[in-house]
N, C-alpha and C. Protein backbone atom coordinates (compact mmCIF):
# COMPACT_ATOMS: atom_id res chain seq x y z
N UNK A 1 -11.36 -64.17 -23.81
CA UNK A 1 -11.13 -63.79 -25.19
C UNK A 1 -10.08 -64.73 -25.76
N UNK A 2 -10.36 -65.25 -26.94
CA UNK A 2 -9.43 -66.21 -27.54
C UNK A 2 -8.20 -65.51 -28.11
N UNK A 3 -7.16 -66.29 -28.31
CA UNK A 3 -5.92 -65.74 -28.85
C UNK A 3 -6.12 -65.21 -30.26
N UNK A 4 -6.98 -65.88 -31.05
CA UNK A 4 -7.18 -65.44 -32.44
C UNK A 4 -7.90 -64.09 -32.48
N UNK A 5 -8.84 -63.85 -31.55
CA UNK A 5 -9.53 -62.55 -31.49
C UNK A 5 -8.53 -61.47 -31.10
N UNK A 6 -7.67 -61.75 -30.12
CA UNK A 6 -6.65 -60.79 -29.71
C UNK A 6 -5.71 -60.47 -30.86
N UNK A 7 -5.27 -61.48 -31.59
CA UNK A 7 -4.38 -61.28 -32.73
C UNK A 7 -5.08 -60.44 -33.80
N UNK A 8 -6.37 -60.76 -34.07
CA UNK A 8 -7.11 -59.98 -35.08
C UNK A 8 -7.23 -58.53 -34.64
N UNK A 9 -7.52 -58.28 -33.36
CA UNK A 9 -7.65 -56.90 -32.87
C UNK A 9 -6.32 -56.17 -32.95
N UNK A 10 -5.23 -56.85 -32.58
CA UNK A 10 -3.90 -56.23 -32.69
C UNK A 10 -3.57 -55.94 -34.14
N UNK A 11 -3.92 -56.86 -35.04
CA UNK A 11 -3.66 -56.64 -36.46
C UNK A 11 -4.49 -55.46 -36.96
N UNK A 12 -5.75 -55.39 -36.54
CA UNK A 12 -6.60 -54.27 -36.96
C UNK A 12 -6.06 -52.95 -36.42
N UNK A 13 -5.57 -52.97 -35.19
CA UNK A 13 -4.99 -51.75 -34.62
C UNK A 13 -3.73 -51.35 -35.38
N UNK A 14 -2.92 -52.34 -35.76
CA UNK A 14 -1.70 -52.05 -36.52
C UNK A 14 -2.04 -51.46 -37.88
N UNK A 15 -3.09 -51.99 -38.54
CA UNK A 15 -3.50 -51.47 -39.84
C UNK A 15 -4.00 -50.02 -39.68
N UNK A 16 -4.76 -49.76 -38.61
CA UNK A 16 -5.26 -48.41 -38.37
C UNK A 16 -4.10 -47.44 -38.14
N UNK A 17 -3.12 -47.85 -37.33
CA UNK A 17 -1.95 -47.01 -37.08
C UNK A 17 -1.21 -46.76 -38.39
N UNK A 18 -1.03 -47.79 -39.19
CA UNK A 18 -0.33 -47.64 -40.47
C UNK A 18 -1.10 -46.71 -41.39
N UNK A 19 -2.44 -46.81 -41.40
CA UNK A 19 -3.25 -45.93 -42.25
C UNK A 19 -3.13 -44.48 -41.82
N UNK A 20 -3.16 -44.24 -40.51
CA UNK A 20 -3.01 -42.88 -40.00
C UNK A 20 -1.62 -42.35 -40.32
N UNK A 21 -0.59 -43.16 -40.11
CA UNK A 21 0.77 -42.74 -40.42
C UNK A 21 0.91 -42.49 -41.91
N UNK A 22 0.32 -43.36 -42.73
CA UNK A 22 0.39 -43.18 -44.17
C UNK A 22 -0.31 -41.91 -44.61
N UNK A 23 -1.45 -41.60 -43.99
CA UNK A 23 -2.18 -40.38 -44.35
C UNK A 23 -1.37 -39.14 -44.04
N UNK A 24 -0.61 -39.18 -42.96
CA UNK A 24 0.19 -38.01 -42.62
C UNK A 24 1.41 -37.88 -43.51
N UNK A 25 1.76 -38.96 -44.21
CA UNK A 25 2.92 -38.94 -45.09
C UNK A 25 2.50 -38.88 -46.56
N UNK A 26 1.24 -38.49 -46.83
CA UNK A 26 0.78 -38.40 -48.21
C UNK A 26 1.61 -37.39 -48.98
N UNK A 27 1.79 -37.61 -50.27
CA UNK A 27 2.51 -36.62 -51.06
C UNK A 27 1.73 -35.32 -51.09
N UNK A 28 2.43 -34.24 -51.35
CA UNK A 28 1.80 -32.91 -51.32
C UNK A 28 0.63 -32.81 -52.29
N UNK A 29 0.65 -33.54 -53.41
CA UNK A 29 -0.45 -33.46 -54.36
C UNK A 29 -1.76 -33.89 -53.70
N UNK A 30 -1.70 -34.89 -52.82
CA UNK A 30 -2.88 -35.31 -52.10
C UNK A 30 -3.19 -34.33 -50.97
N UNK A 31 -2.15 -33.79 -50.36
CA UNK A 31 -2.34 -32.86 -49.26
C UNK A 31 -2.85 -31.50 -49.75
N UNK A 32 -2.67 -31.20 -51.06
CA UNK A 32 -3.13 -29.91 -51.59
C UNK A 32 -4.62 -29.71 -51.37
N UNK A 33 -5.37 -30.80 -51.24
CA UNK A 33 -6.81 -30.69 -51.09
C UNK A 33 -7.24 -30.66 -49.63
N UNK A 34 -6.30 -30.77 -48.73
CA UNK A 34 -6.61 -30.72 -47.30
C UNK A 34 -6.89 -29.28 -46.88
N UNK A 35 -7.69 -29.08 -45.84
CA UNK A 35 -7.94 -27.72 -45.36
C UNK A 35 -6.63 -27.05 -44.96
N UNK A 36 -6.52 -25.75 -45.20
CA UNK A 36 -5.29 -25.00 -44.94
C UNK A 36 -4.88 -25.03 -43.47
N UNK A 37 -5.82 -25.00 -42.57
CA UNK A 37 -5.47 -24.95 -41.15
C UNK A 37 -4.77 -26.23 -40.68
N UNK A 38 -4.76 -27.26 -41.50
CA UNK A 38 -4.12 -28.51 -41.12
C UNK A 38 -2.71 -28.64 -41.70
N UNK A 39 -2.24 -27.61 -42.40
CA UNK A 39 -0.90 -27.68 -42.99
C UNK A 39 0.14 -27.84 -41.89
N UNK A 40 1.07 -28.77 -42.13
CA UNK A 40 2.12 -29.01 -41.15
C UNK A 40 3.08 -27.82 -41.07
N UNK A 41 3.38 -27.23 -42.21
CA UNK A 41 4.25 -26.06 -42.27
C UNK A 41 3.46 -24.96 -42.96
N UNK A 42 3.48 -23.77 -42.37
CA UNK A 42 2.68 -22.68 -42.94
C UNK A 42 3.34 -21.33 -42.73
N UNK A 43 2.92 -20.39 -43.54
CA UNK A 43 3.33 -19.00 -43.37
C UNK A 43 2.47 -18.46 -42.24
N UNK A 44 3.08 -18.13 -41.14
CA UNK A 44 2.32 -17.72 -39.96
C UNK A 44 2.26 -16.21 -39.78
N UNK A 45 3.15 -15.47 -40.44
CA UNK A 45 3.14 -14.01 -40.29
C UNK A 45 3.99 -13.40 -41.39
N UNK A 46 3.63 -12.18 -41.79
CA UNK A 46 4.42 -11.43 -42.76
C UNK A 46 4.58 -10.02 -42.21
N UNK A 47 5.82 -9.54 -42.18
CA UNK A 47 6.11 -8.17 -41.77
C UNK A 47 6.83 -7.53 -42.95
N UNK A 48 6.08 -6.75 -43.73
CA UNK A 48 6.61 -6.27 -45.00
C UNK A 48 6.98 -4.79 -44.97
N UNK A 49 7.89 -4.42 -45.87
CA UNK A 49 8.29 -3.05 -46.17
C UNK A 49 8.06 -2.10 -45.01
N UNK A 50 8.93 -2.15 -44.04
CA UNK A 50 8.76 -1.35 -42.84
C UNK A 50 9.78 -0.21 -42.82
N UNK A 51 9.44 0.94 -43.46
CA UNK A 51 10.41 2.03 -43.49
C UNK A 51 10.59 2.66 -42.11
N UNK A 52 11.81 3.19 -41.86
CA UNK A 52 12.06 3.87 -40.60
C UNK A 52 11.55 5.31 -40.70
N UNK A 53 11.81 6.10 -39.71
CA UNK A 53 11.28 7.47 -39.68
C UNK A 53 11.86 8.36 -40.78
N UNK A 54 12.94 7.93 -41.42
CA UNK A 54 13.52 8.69 -42.53
C UNK A 54 13.09 8.10 -43.87
N UNK A 55 12.06 7.25 -43.85
CA UNK A 55 11.48 6.63 -45.03
C UNK A 55 12.45 5.69 -45.74
N UNK A 56 13.38 5.12 -44.99
CA UNK A 56 14.27 4.09 -45.52
C UNK A 56 13.79 2.75 -44.99
N UNK A 57 13.89 1.75 -45.80
CA UNK A 57 13.50 0.42 -45.36
C UNK A 57 14.62 -0.22 -44.56
N UNK A 58 14.26 -0.85 -43.46
CA UNK A 58 15.20 -1.69 -42.72
C UNK A 58 14.93 -3.11 -43.21
N UNK A 59 15.78 -3.61 -44.07
CA UNK A 59 15.51 -4.90 -44.73
C UNK A 59 15.48 -6.07 -43.76
N UNK A 60 16.09 -5.94 -42.59
CA UNK A 60 16.02 -7.03 -41.62
C UNK A 60 14.75 -6.96 -40.78
N UNK A 61 14.01 -5.85 -40.91
CA UNK A 61 12.71 -5.74 -40.25
C UNK A 61 11.60 -6.15 -41.22
N UNK A 62 11.98 -6.63 -42.38
CA UNK A 62 11.05 -7.16 -43.37
C UNK A 62 11.27 -8.67 -43.39
N UNK A 63 10.24 -9.43 -43.01
CA UNK A 63 10.42 -10.87 -42.88
C UNK A 63 9.11 -11.62 -43.07
N UNK A 64 9.28 -12.91 -43.31
CA UNK A 64 8.15 -13.84 -43.38
C UNK A 64 8.44 -14.93 -42.35
N UNK A 65 7.46 -15.22 -41.50
CA UNK A 65 7.61 -16.27 -40.50
C UNK A 65 7.00 -17.57 -41.03
N UNK A 66 7.78 -18.63 -40.92
CA UNK A 66 7.35 -19.97 -41.32
C UNK A 66 7.28 -20.82 -40.06
N UNK A 67 6.13 -21.47 -39.82
CA UNK A 67 5.92 -22.24 -38.60
C UNK A 67 5.64 -23.71 -38.92
N UNK A 68 6.30 -24.57 -38.17
CA UNK A 68 6.06 -26.01 -38.22
C UNK A 68 5.06 -26.31 -37.10
N UNK A 69 3.86 -26.73 -37.45
CA UNK A 69 2.81 -26.96 -36.45
C UNK A 69 2.85 -28.37 -35.87
N UNK A 70 3.76 -29.20 -36.36
CA UNK A 70 3.83 -30.58 -35.87
C UNK A 70 4.93 -30.71 -34.82
N UNK A 71 5.04 -31.89 -34.23
CA UNK A 71 6.10 -32.15 -33.25
C UNK A 71 7.38 -32.62 -33.91
N UNK A 72 7.29 -33.06 -35.18
CA UNK A 72 8.44 -33.59 -35.88
C UNK A 72 9.21 -32.49 -36.62
N UNK A 73 10.51 -32.62 -36.68
CA UNK A 73 11.35 -31.71 -37.46
C UNK A 73 11.03 -31.91 -38.94
N UNK A 74 10.99 -30.80 -39.69
CA UNK A 74 10.72 -30.86 -41.12
C UNK A 74 11.96 -30.34 -41.86
N UNK A 75 12.42 -31.10 -42.82
CA UNK A 75 13.57 -30.71 -43.63
C UNK A 75 13.09 -29.76 -44.73
N UNK A 76 13.51 -28.49 -44.68
CA UNK A 76 13.10 -27.50 -45.66
C UNK A 76 14.13 -27.34 -46.79
N UNK A 77 15.10 -28.22 -46.86
CA UNK A 77 16.13 -28.12 -47.90
C UNK A 77 15.48 -28.09 -49.28
N UNK A 78 15.82 -27.07 -50.07
CA UNK A 78 15.33 -26.83 -51.43
C UNK A 78 13.88 -26.35 -51.48
N UNK A 79 13.25 -26.04 -50.35
CA UNK A 79 11.95 -25.39 -50.37
C UNK A 79 12.18 -23.95 -50.80
N UNK A 80 11.13 -23.30 -51.31
CA UNK A 80 11.27 -21.92 -51.76
C UNK A 80 10.19 -21.03 -51.16
N UNK A 81 10.56 -19.76 -50.99
CA UNK A 81 9.64 -18.71 -50.55
C UNK A 81 9.75 -17.62 -51.60
N UNK A 82 8.63 -17.24 -52.22
CA UNK A 82 8.69 -16.25 -53.28
C UNK A 82 7.58 -15.23 -53.17
N UNK A 83 7.82 -14.06 -53.80
CA UNK A 83 6.79 -13.03 -53.87
C UNK A 83 6.07 -13.14 -55.21
N UNK A 84 5.06 -12.29 -55.44
CA UNK A 84 4.27 -12.41 -56.67
C UNK A 84 5.06 -12.07 -57.92
N UNK A 85 6.19 -11.35 -57.77
CA UNK A 85 7.03 -11.00 -58.92
C UNK A 85 8.08 -12.07 -59.21
N UNK A 86 8.08 -13.14 -58.42
CA UNK A 86 8.99 -14.25 -58.67
C UNK A 86 10.34 -14.16 -57.97
N UNK A 87 10.54 -13.14 -57.13
CA UNK A 87 11.79 -13.11 -56.35
C UNK A 87 11.72 -14.26 -55.36
N UNK A 88 12.74 -15.11 -55.40
CA UNK A 88 12.67 -16.38 -54.67
C UNK A 88 13.87 -16.57 -53.75
N UNK A 89 13.56 -17.03 -52.55
CA UNK A 89 14.58 -17.47 -51.60
C UNK A 89 14.48 -18.99 -51.52
N UNK A 90 15.62 -19.66 -51.61
CA UNK A 90 15.65 -21.12 -51.50
C UNK A 90 16.34 -21.51 -50.19
N UNK A 91 15.67 -22.35 -49.42
CA UNK A 91 16.24 -22.85 -48.17
C UNK A 91 17.34 -23.85 -48.50
N UNK A 92 18.47 -23.75 -47.80
CA UNK A 92 19.59 -24.67 -48.00
C UNK A 92 19.97 -25.31 -46.67
N UNK A 93 19.88 -26.63 -46.62
CA UNK A 93 20.32 -27.39 -45.44
C UNK A 93 19.71 -26.85 -44.15
N UNK A 94 18.40 -26.59 -44.17
CA UNK A 94 17.74 -26.06 -42.98
C UNK A 94 16.65 -27.02 -42.54
N UNK A 95 16.65 -27.33 -41.25
CA UNK A 95 15.63 -28.19 -40.65
C UNK A 95 14.88 -27.37 -39.61
N UNK A 96 13.56 -27.31 -39.77
CA UNK A 96 12.70 -26.54 -38.86
C UNK A 96 12.17 -27.50 -37.80
N UNK A 97 12.55 -27.23 -36.56
CA UNK A 97 12.16 -28.09 -35.45
C UNK A 97 10.65 -28.15 -35.25
N UNK A 98 10.21 -29.15 -34.50
CA UNK A 98 8.80 -29.29 -34.18
C UNK A 98 8.30 -28.11 -33.36
N UNK A 99 7.11 -27.62 -33.73
CA UNK A 99 6.47 -26.49 -33.05
C UNK A 99 7.36 -25.25 -33.05
N UNK A 100 8.19 -25.10 -34.07
CA UNK A 100 9.13 -23.98 -34.14
C UNK A 100 8.76 -23.03 -35.28
N UNK A 101 9.27 -21.81 -35.18
CA UNK A 101 9.08 -20.79 -36.20
C UNK A 101 10.42 -20.21 -36.58
N UNK A 102 10.60 -19.96 -37.87
CA UNK A 102 11.80 -19.28 -38.36
C UNK A 102 11.34 -18.03 -39.12
N UNK A 103 12.09 -16.96 -38.95
CA UNK A 103 11.83 -15.74 -39.72
C UNK A 103 12.83 -15.66 -40.85
N UNK A 104 12.32 -15.46 -42.06
CA UNK A 104 13.18 -15.30 -43.24
C UNK A 104 13.23 -13.81 -43.53
N UNK A 105 14.36 -13.19 -43.17
CA UNK A 105 14.54 -11.74 -43.33
C UNK A 105 15.02 -11.43 -44.74
N UNK A 106 14.65 -10.27 -45.25
CA UNK A 106 15.07 -9.85 -46.58
C UNK A 106 16.55 -9.46 -46.60
N UNK A 107 17.02 -8.78 -45.57
CA UNK A 107 18.37 -8.21 -45.56
C UNK A 107 19.49 -9.18 -45.33
N UNK A 108 20.62 -8.61 -44.94
CA UNK A 108 21.86 -9.36 -44.77
C UNK A 108 22.09 -9.67 -43.30
N UNK A 109 22.47 -10.90 -43.01
CA UNK A 109 22.74 -11.30 -41.64
C UNK A 109 23.30 -12.69 -41.57
N UNK A 110 23.52 -13.14 -40.35
CA UNK A 110 24.06 -14.49 -40.13
C UNK A 110 22.91 -15.42 -39.76
N UNK A 111 22.76 -16.50 -40.53
CA UNK A 111 21.68 -17.45 -40.30
C UNK A 111 21.81 -18.14 -38.94
N UNK A 112 20.66 -18.31 -38.27
CA UNK A 112 20.57 -19.05 -37.02
C UNK A 112 19.37 -20.00 -37.14
N UNK A 113 19.08 -20.73 -36.07
CA UNK A 113 17.91 -21.60 -36.09
C UNK A 113 16.61 -20.81 -36.14
N UNK A 114 16.59 -19.59 -35.62
CA UNK A 114 15.37 -18.78 -35.57
C UNK A 114 15.27 -17.74 -36.68
N UNK A 115 16.40 -17.38 -37.29
CA UNK A 115 16.43 -16.32 -38.29
C UNK A 115 17.30 -16.72 -39.47
N UNK A 116 16.72 -16.60 -40.67
CA UNK A 116 17.47 -16.81 -41.90
C UNK A 116 17.46 -15.51 -42.69
N UNK A 117 18.47 -15.29 -43.51
CA UNK A 117 18.61 -14.03 -44.24
C UNK A 117 18.76 -14.30 -45.73
N UNK A 118 18.00 -13.51 -46.53
CA UNK A 118 18.07 -13.65 -47.98
C UNK A 118 19.29 -12.93 -48.56
N UNK A 119 19.92 -12.07 -47.77
CA UNK A 119 21.10 -11.30 -48.19
C UNK A 119 20.81 -10.43 -49.41
N UNK A 120 19.64 -9.79 -49.39
CA UNK A 120 19.26 -8.87 -50.47
C UNK A 120 19.53 -7.43 -50.04
N UNK A 121 19.70 -6.58 -51.02
CA UNK A 121 19.93 -5.16 -50.77
C UNK A 121 18.71 -4.30 -51.09
N UNK A 122 17.63 -4.95 -51.56
CA UNK A 122 16.40 -4.23 -51.88
C UNK A 122 15.20 -4.96 -51.29
N UNK A 123 14.15 -4.21 -51.02
CA UNK A 123 12.93 -4.76 -50.45
C UNK A 123 12.31 -5.80 -51.38
N UNK A 124 11.67 -6.80 -50.80
CA UNK A 124 10.97 -7.84 -51.56
C UNK A 124 9.46 -7.69 -51.43
N UNK A 125 8.98 -7.53 -50.21
CA UNK A 125 7.55 -7.59 -49.94
C UNK A 125 6.94 -6.20 -50.03
N UNK A 126 5.97 -6.04 -50.92
CA UNK A 126 5.30 -4.75 -51.15
C UNK A 126 4.18 -4.59 -50.13
N UNK A 127 4.18 -3.46 -49.43
CA UNK A 127 3.16 -3.26 -48.39
C UNK A 127 1.78 -3.01 -48.96
N UNK A 128 1.70 -2.51 -50.20
CA UNK A 128 0.39 -2.22 -50.80
C UNK A 128 -0.33 -3.48 -51.24
N UNK A 129 0.37 -4.38 -51.90
CA UNK A 129 -0.24 -5.60 -52.41
C UNK A 129 0.86 -6.57 -52.82
N UNK A 130 0.78 -7.77 -52.30
CA UNK A 130 1.78 -8.78 -52.65
C UNK A 130 1.27 -10.12 -52.15
N UNK A 131 2.06 -11.15 -52.39
CA UNK A 131 1.76 -12.46 -51.84
C UNK A 131 3.07 -13.17 -51.54
N UNK A 132 3.04 -13.98 -50.51
CA UNK A 132 4.19 -14.81 -50.13
C UNK A 132 3.75 -16.25 -50.38
N UNK A 133 4.57 -16.98 -51.14
CA UNK A 133 4.23 -18.36 -51.49
C UNK A 133 5.35 -19.29 -51.06
N UNK A 134 4.97 -20.33 -50.33
CA UNK A 134 5.91 -21.34 -49.86
C UNK A 134 5.67 -22.62 -50.65
N UNK A 135 6.74 -23.15 -51.25
CA UNK A 135 6.66 -24.40 -52.01
C UNK A 135 7.69 -25.39 -51.46
N UNK A 136 7.34 -26.67 -51.53
CA UNK A 136 8.27 -27.69 -51.03
C UNK A 136 9.33 -28.01 -52.09
N UNK A 137 10.17 -28.99 -51.79
CA UNK A 137 11.28 -29.33 -52.69
C UNK A 137 10.82 -30.01 -53.98
N UNK A 138 9.53 -30.30 -54.09
CA UNK A 138 8.96 -30.83 -55.34
C UNK A 138 8.16 -29.75 -56.07
N UNK A 139 8.32 -28.51 -55.62
CA UNK A 139 7.67 -27.32 -56.19
C UNK A 139 6.16 -27.32 -56.01
N UNK A 140 5.68 -28.11 -55.06
CA UNK A 140 4.25 -28.15 -54.78
C UNK A 140 3.90 -27.07 -53.76
N UNK A 141 2.75 -26.44 -53.96
CA UNK A 141 2.29 -25.38 -53.07
C UNK A 141 2.08 -25.90 -51.66
N UNK A 142 2.70 -25.23 -50.68
CA UNK A 142 2.51 -25.56 -49.28
C UNK A 142 1.57 -24.54 -48.65
N UNK A 143 1.82 -23.25 -48.91
CA UNK A 143 0.98 -22.19 -48.35
C UNK A 143 1.19 -20.90 -49.12
N UNK A 144 0.17 -20.05 -49.13
CA UNK A 144 0.23 -18.73 -49.75
C UNK A 144 -0.51 -17.75 -48.86
N UNK A 145 0.08 -16.58 -48.69
CA UNK A 145 -0.59 -15.48 -47.99
C UNK A 145 -0.59 -14.30 -48.95
N UNK A 146 -1.77 -13.70 -49.14
CA UNK A 146 -1.93 -12.56 -50.04
C UNK A 146 -2.49 -11.38 -49.26
N UNK A 147 -2.02 -10.18 -49.57
CA UNK A 147 -2.55 -8.99 -48.90
C UNK A 147 -2.70 -7.86 -49.91
N UNK A 148 -3.48 -6.85 -49.51
CA UNK A 148 -3.69 -5.67 -50.36
C UNK A 148 -4.59 -5.96 -51.54
N UNK A 149 -4.38 -5.23 -52.62
CA UNK A 149 -5.25 -5.31 -53.80
C UNK A 149 -5.01 -6.48 -54.70
N UNK A 150 -3.98 -7.28 -54.42
CA UNK A 150 -3.65 -8.43 -55.26
C UNK A 150 -4.68 -9.52 -55.08
N UNK A 151 -5.22 -10.03 -56.18
CA UNK A 151 -6.20 -11.12 -56.10
C UNK A 151 -5.52 -12.43 -55.76
N UNK A 152 -6.26 -13.30 -55.13
CA UNK A 152 -5.72 -14.64 -54.86
C UNK A 152 -6.13 -15.13 -53.50
N UNK A 153 -5.71 -16.35 -53.20
CA UNK A 153 -6.08 -17.01 -51.95
C UNK A 153 -5.15 -16.64 -50.84
N UNK A 154 -5.14 -17.46 -49.83
CA UNK A 154 -4.30 -17.21 -48.67
C UNK A 154 -5.13 -17.34 -47.43
N UNK A 155 -4.48 -17.42 -46.31
CA UNK A 155 -5.24 -17.60 -45.08
C UNK A 155 -5.14 -16.41 -44.15
N UNK A 156 -4.80 -15.26 -44.67
CA UNK A 156 -4.85 -14.10 -43.82
C UNK A 156 -3.54 -13.47 -43.50
N UNK A 157 -2.60 -14.17 -42.96
CA UNK A 157 -1.26 -13.64 -42.65
C UNK A 157 -1.20 -12.15 -42.58
N UNK A 158 -0.60 -11.53 -43.58
CA UNK A 158 -0.54 -10.09 -43.66
C UNK A 158 0.32 -9.47 -42.59
N UNK A 159 0.24 -8.19 -42.47
CA UNK A 159 1.05 -7.42 -41.53
C UNK A 159 0.42 -7.48 -40.16
N UNK A 160 1.14 -8.04 -39.22
CA UNK A 160 0.60 -8.16 -37.84
C UNK A 160 1.33 -7.23 -36.93
């Protein structure tokens, strides 16, 4: 095999690698049309309005799980998680590790790598019908989960 053929093949391989890397770094507007199951970060579970035996809500037992399905850490700084009524939690200086999940609890607590707290005193997620929407720092839709009688999309999530 000649040197020029080897150089051309290496160049073609480099272009292919660059194209694949570029595709994975597409802006969210282009990624919005990708199938949901391929989302790098997604709402993986919702545990909503879980009253105790005295019919009081335990706000720290009400949470939304966000999962990073890739191996790379994702910076969630300024991303938002909101319900259908517009109550919004904004992530501040949080990086979600590769293949990791964080639970965003409604109640009050101390933030860790696995658990973040909205520090609210009232329930956010309605067990009858609601939706959880995750948006990136450019306000582009990343994922939505809808349950109950509320119309809309989503990939199932709900109460597990």
